Amino acid sequence: METEYESNELNDFCGEVGIKRETTVAYTPEQNGVAEKKNRTIIEATRAMLHDQGLPMFLWGEAANTTVYLQNRSSYQALNFKTPEEVFTSKKPDVLYIFMFDIGFHLPL
């Protein structure tokens, strides 16, 4: 039985571009330690940004998007100090426009 993520087309594409696929048993996220660690890192950074700036929880989605955006433009030792964006596109990302997460948002009292 082929599932959405197990198609021959996807397997062929991943092989062509050098993506190593590892499957897990359905509904057992604990088998995928790498993804679980990355998700935990995103959640912790998102909480830290919201807390540091005193922002309300309804901005969780924006903070999480910002977290992932920044992580994709941060260098990693495992990538020979390149960014994921740079590895994926072969271009250094422009980060001159990135400012502190505090966007000047304040709720009225």
PDB file of N, CA and C in Angstrom:
ATOM      1  N   MET A   1       0.841  -1.184   0.000  1.00  0.00           N
ATOM      2  CA  MET A   1       0.000   0.000   0.000  1.00  0.00           C
ATOM      3  C   MET A   1       0.887   1.249   0.000  1.00  0.00           C
ATOM      4  N   GLU A   2       0.666   2.129  -0.961  1.00  0.00           N
ATOM      5  CA  GLU A   2       1.409   3.386  -1.000  1.00  0.00           C
ATOM      6  C   GLU A   2       0.620   4.454  -0.269  1.00  0.00           C
ATOM      7  N   THR A   3       1.297   5.227   0.516  1.00  0.00           N
ATOM      8  CA  THR A   3       0.659   6.344   1.195  1.00  0.00           C
ATOM      9  C   THR A   3       1.126   7.630   0.546  1.00  0.00           C
ATOM     10  N   GLU A   4       0.598   8.728   1.001  1.00  0.00           N
ATOM     11  CA  GLU A   4       0.910  10.031   0.414  1.00  0.00           C
ATOM     12  C   GLU A   4       2.412  10.312   0.413  1.00  0.00           C
ATOM     13  N   TYR A   5       3.102   9.894   1.454  1.00  0.00           N
ATOM     14  CA  TYR A   5       4.520  10.211   1.594  1.00  0.00           C
ATOM     15  C   TYR A   5       5.419   9.051   1.185  1.00  0.00           C
ATOM     16  N   GLU A   6       4.854   8.018   0.599  1.00  0.00           N
ATOM     17  CA  GLU A   6       5.626   6.841   0.221  1.00  0.00           C
ATOM     18  C   GLU A   6       5.567   6.578  -1.284  1.00  0.00           C
ATOM     19  N   SER A   7       5.149   7.532  -2.079  1.00  0.00           N
ATOM     20  CA  SER A   7       4.985   7.305  -3.509  1.00  0.00           C
ATOM     21  C   SER A   7       6.335   7.134  -4.201  1.00  0.00           C
ATOM     22  N   ASN A   8       6.307   6.387  -5.298  1.00  0.00           N
ATOM     23  CA  ASN A   8       7.523   6.203  -6.093  1.00  0.00           C
ATOM     24  C   ASN A   8       8.018   7.538  -6.644  1.00  0.00           C
ATOM     25  N   GLU A   9       7.082   8.413  -6.997  1.00  0.00           N
ATOM     26  CA  GLU A   9       7.453   9.730  -7.527  1.00  0.00           C
ATOM     27  C   GLU A   9       8.256  10.526  -6.491  1.00  0.00           C
ATOM     28  N   LEU A  10       7.799  10.525  -5.252  1.00  0.00           N
ATOM     29  CA  LEU A  10       8.519  11.239  -4.193  1.00  0.00           C
ATOM     30  C   LEU A  10       9.865  10.576  -3.921  1.00  0.00           C
ATOM     31  N   ASN A  11       9.881   9.251  -3.864  1.00  0.00           N
ATOM     32  CA  ASN A  11      11.140   8.537  -3.638  1.00  0.00           C
ATOM     33  C   ASN A  11      12.154   8.833  -4.742  1.00  0.00           C
ATOM     34  N   ASP A  12      11.691   8.855  -5.994  1.00  0.00           N
ATOM     35  CA  ASP A  12      12.580   9.157  -7.118  1.00  0.00           C
ATOM     36  C   ASP A  12      13.126  10.583  -7.017  1.00  0.00           C
ATOM     37  N   PHE A  13      12.228  11.546  -6.693  1.00  0.00           N
ATOM     38  CA  PHE A  13      12.659  12.936  -6.569  1.00  0.00           C
ATOM     39  C   PHE A  13      13.722  13.083  -5.481  1.00  0.00           C
ATOM     40  N   CYS A  14      13.458  12.490  -4.315  1.00  0.00           N
ATOM     41  CA  CYS A  14      14.408  12.595  -3.202  1.00  0.00           C
ATOM     42  C   CYS A  14      15.753  11.995  -3.577  1.00  0.00           C
ATOM     43  N   GLY A  15      15.737  10.874  -4.291  1.00  0.00           N
ATOM     44  CA  GLY A  15      16.975  10.255  -4.735  1.00  0.00           C
ATOM     45  C   GLY A  15      17.747  11.137  -5.695  1.00  0.00           C
ATOM     46  N   GLU A  16      17.039  11.814  -6.581  1.00  0.00           N
ATOM     47  CA  GLU A  16      17.681  12.686  -7.572  1.00  0.00           C
ATOM     48  C   GLU A  16      18.365  13.886  -6.936  1.00  0.00           C
ATOM     49  N   VAL A  17      17.756  14.446  -5.903  1.00  0.00           N
ATOM     50  CA  VAL A  17      18.307  15.660  -5.290  1.00  0.00           C
ATOM     51  C   VAL A  17      19.127  15.373  -4.041  1.00  0.00           C
ATOM     52  N   GLY A  18      19.309  14.093  -3.721  1.00  0.00           N
ATOM     53  CA  GLY A  18      20.188  13.728  -2.613  1.00  0.00           C
ATOM     54  C   GLY A  18      19.573  13.794  -1.237  1.00  0.00           C
ATOM     55  N   ILE A  19      18.252  13.671  -1.154  1.00  0.00           N
ATOM     56  CA  ILE A  19      17.585  13.677   0.145  1.00  0.00           C
ATOM     57  C   ILE A  19      17.494  12.248   0.654  1.00  0.00           C
ATOM     58  N   LYS A  20      17.990  12.029   1.863  1.00  0.00           N
ATOM     59  CA  LYS A  20      17.908  10.711   2.492  1.00  0.00           C
ATOM     60  C   LYS A  20      16.609  10.642   3.277  1.00  0.00           C
ATOM     61  N   ARG A  21      15.733   9.725   2.900  1.00  0.00           N
ATOM     62  CA  ARG A  21      14.442   9.599   3.570  1.00  0.00           C
ATOM     63  C   ARG A  21      14.481   8.478   4.596  1.00  0.00           C
ATOM     64  N   GLU A  22      13.900   8.752   5.738  1.00  0.00           N
ATOM     65  CA  GLU A  22      13.757   7.733   6.772  1.00  0.00           C
ATOM     66  C   GLU A  22      12.302   7.717   7.197  1.00  0.00           C
ATOM     67  N   THR A  23      11.691   6.563   7.158  1.00  0.00           N
ATOM     68  CA  THR A  23      10.284   6.479   7.529  1.00  0.00           C
ATOM     69  C   THR A  23      10.152   5.963   8.958  1.00  0.00           C
ATOM     70  N   THR A  24       8.983   6.234   9.545  1.00  0.00           N
ATOM     71  CA  THR A  24       8.686   5.765  10.892  1.00  0.00           C
ATOM     72  C   THR A  24       7.310   5.114  10.871  1.00  0.00           C
ATOM     73  N   VAL A  25       6.996   4.401  11.906  1.00  0.00           N
ATOM     74  CA  VAL A  25       5.680   3.805  12.046  1.00  0.00           C
ATOM     75  C   VAL A  25       4.685   4.935  12.292  1.00  0.00           C
ATOM     76  N   ALA A  26       3.514   4.843  11.677  1.00  0.00           N
ATOM     77  CA  ALA A  26       2.489   5.876  11.819  1.00  0.00           C
ATOM     78  C   ALA A  26       2.139   6.110  13.285  1.00  0.00           C
ATOM     79  N   TYR A  27       1.922   7.374  13.627  1.00  0.00           N
ATOM     80  CA  TYR A  27       1.496   7.804  14.957  1.00  0.00           C
ATOM     81  C   TYR A  27       2.512   7.482  16.055  1.00  0.00           C
ATOM     82  N   THR A  28       3.785   7.477  15.704  1.00  0.00           N
ATOM     83  CA  THR A  28       4.849   7.279  16.703  1.00  0.00           C
ATOM     84  C   THR A  28       5.921   8.349  16.503  1.00  0.00           C
ATOM     85  N   PRO A  29       5.604   9.602  16.846  1.00  0.00           N
ATOM     86  CA  PRO A  29       6.566  10.684  16.627  1.00  0.00           C
ATOM     87  C   PRO A  29       7.847  10.518  17.424  1.00  0.00           C
ATOM     88  N   GLU A  30       7.800   9.743  18.500  1.00  0.00           N
ATOM     89  CA  GLU A  30       9.010   9.552  19.295  1.00  0.00           C
ATOM     90  C   GLU A  30      10.096   8.825  18.514  1.00  0.00           C
ATOM     91  N   GLN A  31       9.736   8.158  17.410  1.00  0.00           N
ATOM     92  CA  GLN A  31      10.740   7.489  16.579  1.00  0.00           C
ATOM     93  C   GLN A  31      11.573   8.486  15.781  1.00  0.00           C
ATOM     94  N   ASN A  32      11.064   9.673  15.610  1.00  0.00           N
ATOM     95  CA  ASN A  32      11.765  10.663  14.800  1.00  0.00           C
ATOM     96  C   ASN A  32      12.387  11.708  15.713  1.00  0.00           C
ATOM     97  N   GLY A  33      13.499  11.347  16.337  1.00  0.00           N
ATOM     98  CA  GLY A  33      14.151  12.213  17.304  1.00  0.00           C
ATOM     99  C   GLY A  33      14.627  13.534  16.739  1.00  0.00           C
ATOM    100  N   VAL A  34      15.097  13.548  15.494  1.00  0.00           N
ATOM    101  CA  VAL A  34      15.599  14.783  14.886  1.00  0.00           C
ATOM    102  C   VAL A  34      14.470  15.798  14.753  1.00  0.00           C
ATOM    103  N   ALA A  35      13.337  15.366  14.216  1.00  0.00           N
ATOM    104  CA  ALA A  35      12.198  16.278  14.050  1.00  0.00           C
ATOM    105  C   ALA A  35      11.660  16.726  15.402  1.00  0.00           C
ATOM    106  N   GLU A  36      11.596  15.814  16.353  1.00  0.00           N
ATOM    107  CA  GLU A  36      11.111  16.166  17.687  1.00  0.00           C
ATOM    108  C   GLU A  36      12.005  17.223  18.340  1.00  0.00           C
ATOM    109  N   LYS A  37      13.325  17.071  18.200  1.00  0.00           N
ATOM    110  CA  LYS A  37      14.260  18.042  18.776  1.00  0.00           C
ATOM    111  C   LYS A  37      14.103  19.399  18.090  1.00  0.00           C
ATOM    112  N   LYS A  38      13.950  19.395  16.768  1.00  0.00           N
ATOM    113  CA  LYS A  38      13.787  20.654  16.032  1.00  0.00           C
ATOM    114  C   LYS A  38      12.492  21.339  16.457  1.00  0.00           C
ATOM    115  N   ASN A  39      11.412  20.574  16.565  1.00  0.00           N
ATOM    116  CA  ASN A  39      10.146  21.158  17.009  1.00  0.00           C
ATOM    117  C   ASN A  39      10.268  21.751  18.401  1.00  0.00           C
ATOM    118  N   ARG A  40      10.944  21.052  19.303  1.00  0.00           N
ATOM    119  CA  ARG A  40      11.140  21.554  20.664  1.00  0.00           C
ATOM    120  C   ARG A  40      11.953  22.854  20.643  1.00  0.00           C
ATOM    121  N   THR A  41      12.985  22.909  19.796  1.00  0.00           N
ATOM    122  CA  THR A  41      13.809  24.110  19.679  1.00  0.00           C
ATOM    123  C   THR A  41      12.974  25.290  19.188  1.00  0.00           C
ATOM    124  N   ILE A  42      12.121  25.050  18.207  1.00  0.00           N
ATOM    125  CA  ILE A  42      11.256  26.116  17.675  1.00  0.00           C
ATOM    126  C   ILE A  42      10.299  26.602  18.753  1.00  0.00           C
ATOM    127  N   ILE A  43       9.682  25.680  19.462  1.00  0.00           N
ATOM    128  CA  ILE A  43       8.725  26.051  20.507  1.00  0.00           C
ATOM    129  C   ILE A  43       9.407  26.843  21.619  1.00  0.00           C
ATOM    130  N   GLU A  44      10.580  26.406  22.042  1.00  0.00           N
ATOM    131  CA  GLU A  44      11.290  27.104  23.117  1.00  0.00           C
ATOM    132  C   GLU A  44      11.704  28.512  22.691  1.00  0.00           C
ATOM    133  N   ALA A  45      12.201  28.661  21.472  1.00  0.00           N
ATOM    134  CA  ALA A  45      12.598  29.991  20.991  1.00  0.00           C
ATOM    135  C   ALA A  45      11.376  30.900  20.850  1.00  0.00           C
ATOM    136  N   THR A  46      10.266  30.341  20.399  1.00  0.00           N
ATOM    137  CA  THR A  46       9.028  31.116  20.253  1.00  0.00           C
ATOM    138  C   THR A  46       8.546  31.606  21.616  1.00  0.00           C
ATOM    139  N   ARG A  47       8.529  30.718  22.584  1.00  0.00           N
ATOM    140  CA  ARG A  47       8.129  31.118  23.947  1.00  0.00           C
ATOM    141  C   ARG A  47       9.041  32.213  24.490  1.00  0.00           C
ATOM    142  N   ALA A  48      10.340  32.055  24.248  1.00  0.00           N
ATOM    143  CA  ALA A  48      11.309  33.039  24.742  1.00  0.00           C
ATOM    144  C   ALA A  48      11.064  34.414  24.120  1.00  0.00           C
ATOM    145  N   MET A  49      10.788  34.453  22.810  1.00  0.00           N
ATOM    146  CA  MET A  49      10.528  35.744  22.152  1.00  0.00           C
ATOM    147  C   MET A  49       9.275  36.398  22.708  1.00  0.00           C
ATOM    148  N   LEU A  50       8.209  35.615  22.841  1.00  0.00           N
ATOM    149  CA  LEU A  50       6.966  36.173  23.369  1.00  0.00           C
ATOM    150  C   LEU A  50       7.160  36.685  24.795  1.00  0.00           C
ATOM    151  N   HIS A  51       7.822  35.901  25.613  1.00  0.00           N
ATOM    152  CA  HIS A  51       8.045  36.291  27.013  1.00  0.00           C
ATOM    153  C   HIS A  51       8.951  37.521  27.106  1.00  0.00           C
ATOM    154  N   ASP A  52      10.052  37.514  26.362  1.00  0.00           N
ATOM    155  CA  ASP A  52      11.015  38.606  26.428  1.00  0.00           C
ATOM    156  C   ASP A  52      10.393  39.947  26.065  1.00  0.00           C
ATOM    157  N   GLN A  53       9.499  39.918  25.087  1.00  0.00           N
ATOM    158  CA  GLN A  53       8.896  41.167  24.630  1.00  0.00           C
ATOM    159  C   GLN A  53       7.540  41.444  25.271  1.00  0.00           C
ATOM    160  N   GLY A  54       7.101  40.541  26.152  1.00  0.00           N
ATOM    161  CA  GLY A  54       5.818  40.740  26.824  1.00  0.00           C
ATOM    162  C   GLY A  54       4.645  40.724  25.861  1.00  0.00           C
ATOM    163  N   LEU A  55       4.728  39.894  24.838  1.00  0.00           N
ATOM    164  CA  LEU A  55       3.677  39.853  23.820  1.00  0.00           C
ATOM    165  C   LEU A  55       2.614  38.825  24.172  1.00  0.00           C
ATOM    166  N   PRO A  56       1.385  39.050  23.720  1.00  0.00           N
ATOM    167  CA  PRO A  56       0.286  38.134  24.035  1.00  0.00           C
ATOM    168  C   PRO A  56       0.383  36.836  23.228  1.00  0.00           C
ATOM    169  N   MET A  57      -0.266  35.791  23.746  1.00  0.00           N
ATOM    170  CA  MET A  57      -0.208  34.472  23.124  1.00  0.00           C
ATOM    171  C   MET A  57      -0.845  34.421  21.735  1.00  0.00           C
ATOM    172  N   PHE A  58      -1.752  35.354  21.415  1.00  0.00           N
ATOM    173  CA  PHE A  58      -2.364  35.264  20.093  1.00  0.00           C
ATOM    174  C   PHE A  58      -1.362  35.576  18.974  1.00  0.00           C
ATOM    175  N   LEU A  59      -0.181  36.063  19.351  1.00  0.00           N
ATOM    176  CA  LEU A  59       0.870  36.288  18.357  1.00  0.00           C
ATOM    177  C   LEU A  59       1.802  35.082  18.222  1.00  0.00           C
ATOM    178  N   TRP A  60       1.389  33.939  18.818  1.00  0.00           N
ATOM    179  CA  TRP A  60       2.201  32.713  18.785  1.00  0.00           C
ATOM    180  C   TRP A  60       2.600  32.352  17.354  1.00  0.00           C
ATOM    181  N   GLY A  61       1.662  32.360  16.430  1.00  0.00           N
ATOM    182  CA  GLY A  61       1.943  31.974  15.042  1.00  0.00           C
ATOM    183  C   GLY A  61       2.988  32.869  14.401  1.00  0.00           C
ATOM    184  N   GLU A  62       2.866  34.162  14.603  1.00  0.00           N
ATOM    185  CA  GLU A  62       3.847  35.093  14.038  1.00  0.00           C
ATOM    186  C   GLU A  62       5.219  34.881  14.656  1.00  0.00           C
ATOM    187  N   ALA A  63       5.249  34.647  15.966  1.00  0.00           N
ATOM    188  CA  ALA A  63       6.526  34.406  16.634  1.00  0.00           C
ATOM    189  C   ALA A  63       7.159  33.104  16.146  1.00  0.00           C
ATOM    190  N   ALA A  64       6.353  32.064  15.953  1.00  0.00           N
ATOM    191  CA  ALA A  64       6.876  30.790  15.453  1.00  0.00           C
ATOM    192  C   ALA A  64       7.407  30.955  14.025  1.00  0.00           C
ATOM    193  N   ASN A  65       6.685  31.678  13.191  1.00  0.00           N
ATOM    194  CA  ASN A  65       7.172  31.939  11.828  1.00  0.00           C
ATOM    195  C   ASN A  65       8.494  32.702  11.852  1.00  0.00           C
ATOM    196  N   THR A  66       8.587  33.675  12.745  1.00  0.00           N
ATOM    197  CA  THR A  66       9.826  34.445  12.880  1.00  0.00           C
ATOM    198  C   THR A  66      10.963  33.554  13.331  1.00  0.00           C
ATOM    199  N   THR A  67      10.687  32.666  14.279  1.00  0.00           N
ATOM    200  CA  THR A  67      11.704  31.731  14.767  1.00  0.00           C
ATOM    201  C   THR A  67      12.266  30.892  13.637  1.00  0.00           C
ATOM    202  N   VAL A  68      11.390  30.276  12.862  1.00  0.00           N
ATOM    203  CA  VAL A  68      11.831  29.410  11.764  1.00  0.00           C
ATOM    204  C   VAL A  68      12.575  30.230  10.709  1.00  0.00           C
ATOM    205  N   TYR A  69      12.065  31.413  10.407  1.00  0.00           N
ATOM    206  CA  TYR A  69      12.709  32.288   9.427  1.00  0.00           C
ATOM    207  C   TYR A  69      14.140  32.609   9.854  1.00  0.00           C
ATOM    208  N   LEU A  70      14.308  32.959  11.129  1.00  0.00           N
ATOM    209  CA  LEU A  70      15.644  33.297  11.632  1.00  0.00           C
ATOM    210  C   LEU A  70      16.559  32.083  11.692  1.00  0.00           C
ATOM    211  N   GLN A  71      16.017  30.930  12.092  1.00  0.00           N
ATOM    212  CA  GLN A  71      16.840  29.724  12.147  1.00  0.00           C
ATOM    213  C   GLN A  71      17.326  29.314  10.760  1.00  0.00           C
ATOM    214  N   ASN A  72      16.500  29.532   9.742  1.00  0.00           N
ATOM    215  CA  ASN A  72      16.914  29.202   8.378  1.00  0.00           C
ATOM    216  C   ASN A  72      17.973  30.163   7.841  1.00  0.00           C
ATOM    217  N   ARG A  73      18.177  31.264   8.532  1.00  0.00           N
ATOM    218  CA  ARG A  73      19.175  32.247   8.112  1.00  0.00           C
ATOM    219  C   ARG A  73      20.314  32.379   9.127  1.00  0.00           C
ATOM    220  N   SER A  74      20.437  31.385   9.996  1.00  0.00           N
ATOM    221  CA  SER A  74      21.516  31.331  10.980  1.00  0.00           C
ATOM    222  C   SER A  74      22.464  30.207  10.611  1.00  0.00           C
ATOM    223  N   SER A  75      23.764  30.438  10.802  1.00  0.00           N
ATOM    224  CA  SER A  75      24.741  29.415  10.423  1.00  0.00           C
ATOM    225  C   SER A  75      24.775  28.283  11.437  1.00  0.00           C
ATOM    226  N   TYR A  76      25.112  27.099  10.933  1.00  0.00           N
ATOM    227  CA  TYR A  76      25.199  25.899  11.755  1.00  0.00           C
ATOM    228  C   TYR A  76      26.543  25.221  11.514  1.00  0.00           C
ATOM    229  N   GLN A  77      27.158  24.770  12.585  1.00  0.00           N
ATOM    230  CA  GLN A  77      28.432  24.074  12.483  1.00  0.00           C
ATOM    231  C   GLN A  77      28.295  22.824  11.613  1.00  0.00           C
ATOM    232  N   ALA A  78      27.181  22.107  11.743  1.00  0.00           N
ATOM    233  CA  ALA A  78      26.967  20.883  10.965  1.00  0.00           C
ATOM    234  C   ALA A  78      26.907  21.154   9.462  1.00  0.00           C
ATOM    235  N   LEU A  79      26.636  22.400   9.088  1.00  0.00           N
ATOM    236  CA  LEU A  79      26.585  22.784   7.672  1.00  0.00           C
ATOM    237  C   LEU A  79      27.838  23.566   7.273  1.00  0.00           C
ATOM    238  N   ASN A  80      28.936  23.323   7.966  1.00  0.00           N
ATOM    239  CA  ASN A  80      30.187  24.047   7.723  1.00  0.00           C
ATOM    240  C   ASN A  80      29.997  25.555   7.849  1.00  0.00           C
ATOM    241  N   PHE A  81      29.249  25.934   8.878  1.00  0.00           N
ATOM    242  CA  PHE A  81      28.981  27.336   9.203  1.00  0.00           C
ATOM    243  C   PHE A  81      28.265  28.075   8.076  1.00  0.00           C
ATOM    244  N   LYS A  82      27.463  27.342   7.320  1.00  0.00           N
ATOM    245  CA  LYS A  82      26.574  27.948   6.333  1.00  0.00           C
ATOM    246  C   LYS A  82      25.167  27.921   6.915  1.00  0.00           C
ATOM    247  N   THR A  83      24.284  28.692   6.307  1.00  0.00           N
ATOM    248  CA  THR A  83      22.891  28.701   6.735  1.00  0.00           C
ATOM    249  C   THR A  83      22.111  27.673   5.923  1.00  0.00           C
ATOM    250  N   PRO A  84      20.998  27.155   6.477  1.00  0.00           N
ATOM    251  CA  PRO A  84      20.157  26.265   5.676  1.00  0.00           C
ATOM    252  C   PRO A  84      19.705  26.933   4.379  1.00  0.00           C
ATOM    253  N   GLU A  85      19.381  28.214   4.438  1.00  0.00           N
ATOM    254  CA  GLU A  85      18.978  28.961   3.244  1.00  0.00           C
ATOM    255  C   GLU A  85      20.093  28.947   2.202  1.00  0.00           C
ATOM    256  N   GLU A  86      21.315  29.156   2.644  1.00  0.00           N
ATOM    257  CA  GLU A  86      22.472  29.178   1.746  1.00  0.00           C
ATOM    258  C   GLU A  86      22.720  27.804   1.134  1.00  0.00           C
ATOM    259  N   VAL A  87      22.577  26.763   1.922  1.00  0.00           N
ATOM    260  CA  VAL A  87      22.773  25.402   1.408  1.00  0.00           C
ATOM    261  C   VAL A  87      21.695  25.072   0.379  1.00  0.00           C
ATOM    262  N   PHE A  88      20.464  25.489   0.661  1.00  0.00           N
ATOM    263  CA  PHE A  88      19.339  25.163  -0.218  1.00  0.00           C
ATOM    264  C   PHE A  88      19.374  25.954  -1.519  1.00  0.00           C
ATOM    265  N   THR A  89      19.713  27.249  -1.462  1.00  0.00           N
ATOM    266  CA  THR A  89      19.641  28.108  -2.653  1.00  0.00           C
ATOM    267  C   THR A  89      21.002  28.410  -3.269  1.00  0.00           C
ATOM    268  N   SER A  90      22.089  28.054  -2.591  1.00  0.00           N
ATOM    269  CA  SER A  90      23.456  28.369  -3.029  1.00  0.00           C
ATOM    270  C   SER A  90      23.743  29.869  -3.013  1.00  0.00           C
ATOM    271  N   LYS A  91      22.955  30.643  -2.265  1.00  0.00           N
ATOM    272  CA  LYS A  91      23.176  32.081  -2.125  1.00  0.00           C
ATOM    273  C   LYS A  91      23.136  32.448  -0.653  1.00  0.00           C
ATOM    274  N   LYS A  92      24.026  33.350  -0.253  1.00  0.00           N
ATOM    275  CA  LYS A  92      23.990  33.851   1.121  1.00  0.00           C
ATOM    276  C   LYS A  92      22.726  34.683   1.300  1.00  0.00           C
ATOM    277  N   PRO A  93      21.985  34.450   2.383  1.00  0.00           N
ATOM    278  CA  PRO A  93      20.770  35.248   2.595  1.00  0.00           C
ATOM    279  C   PRO A  93      21.110  36.662   3.035  1.00  0.00           C
ATOM    280  N   ASP A  94      20.285  37.602   2.601  1.00  0.00           N
ATOM    281  CA  ASP A  94      20.430  38.992   3.009  1.00  0.00           C
ATOM    282  C   ASP A  94      19.748  39.147   4.365  1.00  0.00           C
ATOM    283  N   VAL A  95      20.496  39.533   5.368  1.00  0.00           N
ATOM    284  CA  VAL A  95      19.935  39.674   6.713  1.00  0.00           C
ATOM    285  C   VAL A  95      20.044  41.106   7.239  1.00  0.00           C
ATOM    286  N   LEU A  96      20.392  42.035   6.374  1.00  0.00           N
ATOM    287  CA  LEU A  96      20.563  43.415   6.820  1.00  0.00           C
ATOM    288  C   LEU A  96      19.257  44.063   7.263  1.00  0.00           C
ATOM    289  N   TYR A  97      18.145  43.559   6.804  1.00  0.00           N
ATOM    290  CA  TYR A  97      16.849  44.147   7.134  1.00  0.00           C
ATOM    291  C   TYR A  97      16.220  43.547   8.391  1.00  0.00           C
ATOM    292  N   ILE A  98      16.868  42.546   8.990  1.00  0.00           N
ATOM    293  CA  ILE A  98      16.295  41.890  10.170  1.00  0.00           C
ATOM    294  C   ILE A  98      16.551  42.754  11.405  1.00  0.00           C
ATOM    295  N   PHE A  99      15.478  43.004  12.140  1.00  0.00           N
ATOM    296  CA  PHE A  99      15.552  43.816  13.350  1.00  0.00           C
ATOM    297  C   PHE A  99      15.133  42.979  14.547  1.00  0.00           C
ATOM    298  N   MET A 100      15.293  43.532  15.712  1.00  0.00           N
ATOM    299  CA  MET A 100      14.864  42.870  16.936  1.00  0.00           C
ATOM    300  C   MET A 100      13.384  42.527  16.850  1.00  0.00           C
ATOM    301  N   PHE A 101      12.981  41.423  17.451  1.00  0.00           N
ATOM    302  CA  PHE A 101      11.596  40.951  17.367  1.00  0.00           C
ATOM    303  C   PHE A 101      10.597  41.975  17.891  1.00  0.00           C
ATOM    304  N   ASP A 102      10.996  42.846  18.788  1.00  0.00           N
ATOM    305  CA  ASP A 102      10.078  43.856  19.311  1.00  0.00           C
ATOM    306  C   ASP A 102       9.631  44.737  18.157  1.00  0.00           C
ATOM    307  N   ILE A 103       8.400  44.579  17.757  1.00  0.00           N
ATOM    308  CA  ILE A 103       7.883  45.319  16.606  1.00  0.00           C
ATOM    309  C   ILE A 103       7.112  46.559  17.046  1.00  0.00           C
ATOM    310  N   GLY A 104       7.277  46.910  18.299  1.00  0.00           N
ATOM    311  CA  GLY A 104       6.601  48.090  18.796  1.00  0.00           C
ATOM    312  C   GLY A 104       5.121  47.837  19.042  1.00  0.00           C
ATOM    313  N   PHE A 105       4.728  46.581  19.115  1.00  0.00           N
ATOM    314  CA  PHE A 105       3.326  46.235  19.322  1.00  0.00           C
ATOM    315  C   PHE A 105       3.002  46.287  20.802  1.00  0.00           C
ATOM    316  N   HIS A 106       2.019  47.034  21.155  1.00  0.00           N
ATOM    317  CA  HIS A 106       1.585  47.101  22.547  1.00  0.00           C
ATOM    318  C   HIS A 106       0.068  47.094  22.570  1.00  0.00           C
ATOM    319  N   LEU A 107      -0.503  46.267  23.434  1.00  0.00           N
ATOM    320  CA  LEU A 107      -1.950  46.227  23.550  1.00  0.00           C
ATOM    321  C   LEU A 107      -2.442  47.424  24.340  1.00  0.00           C
ATOM    322  N   PRO A 108      -3.567  47.988  23.932  1.00  0.00           N
ATOM    323  CA  PRO A 108      -4.149  49.075  24.736  1.00  0.00           C
ATOM    324  C   PRO A 108      -4.663  48.517  26.056  1.00  0.00           C
ATOM    325  N   LEU A 109      -4.530  49.297  27.087  1.00  0.00           N
ATOM    326  CA  LEU A 109      -4.997  48.855  28.422  1.00  0.00           C
ATOM    327  C   LEU A 109      -6.477  49.074  28.593  1.00  0.00           C
TER     328      LEU A 109
END
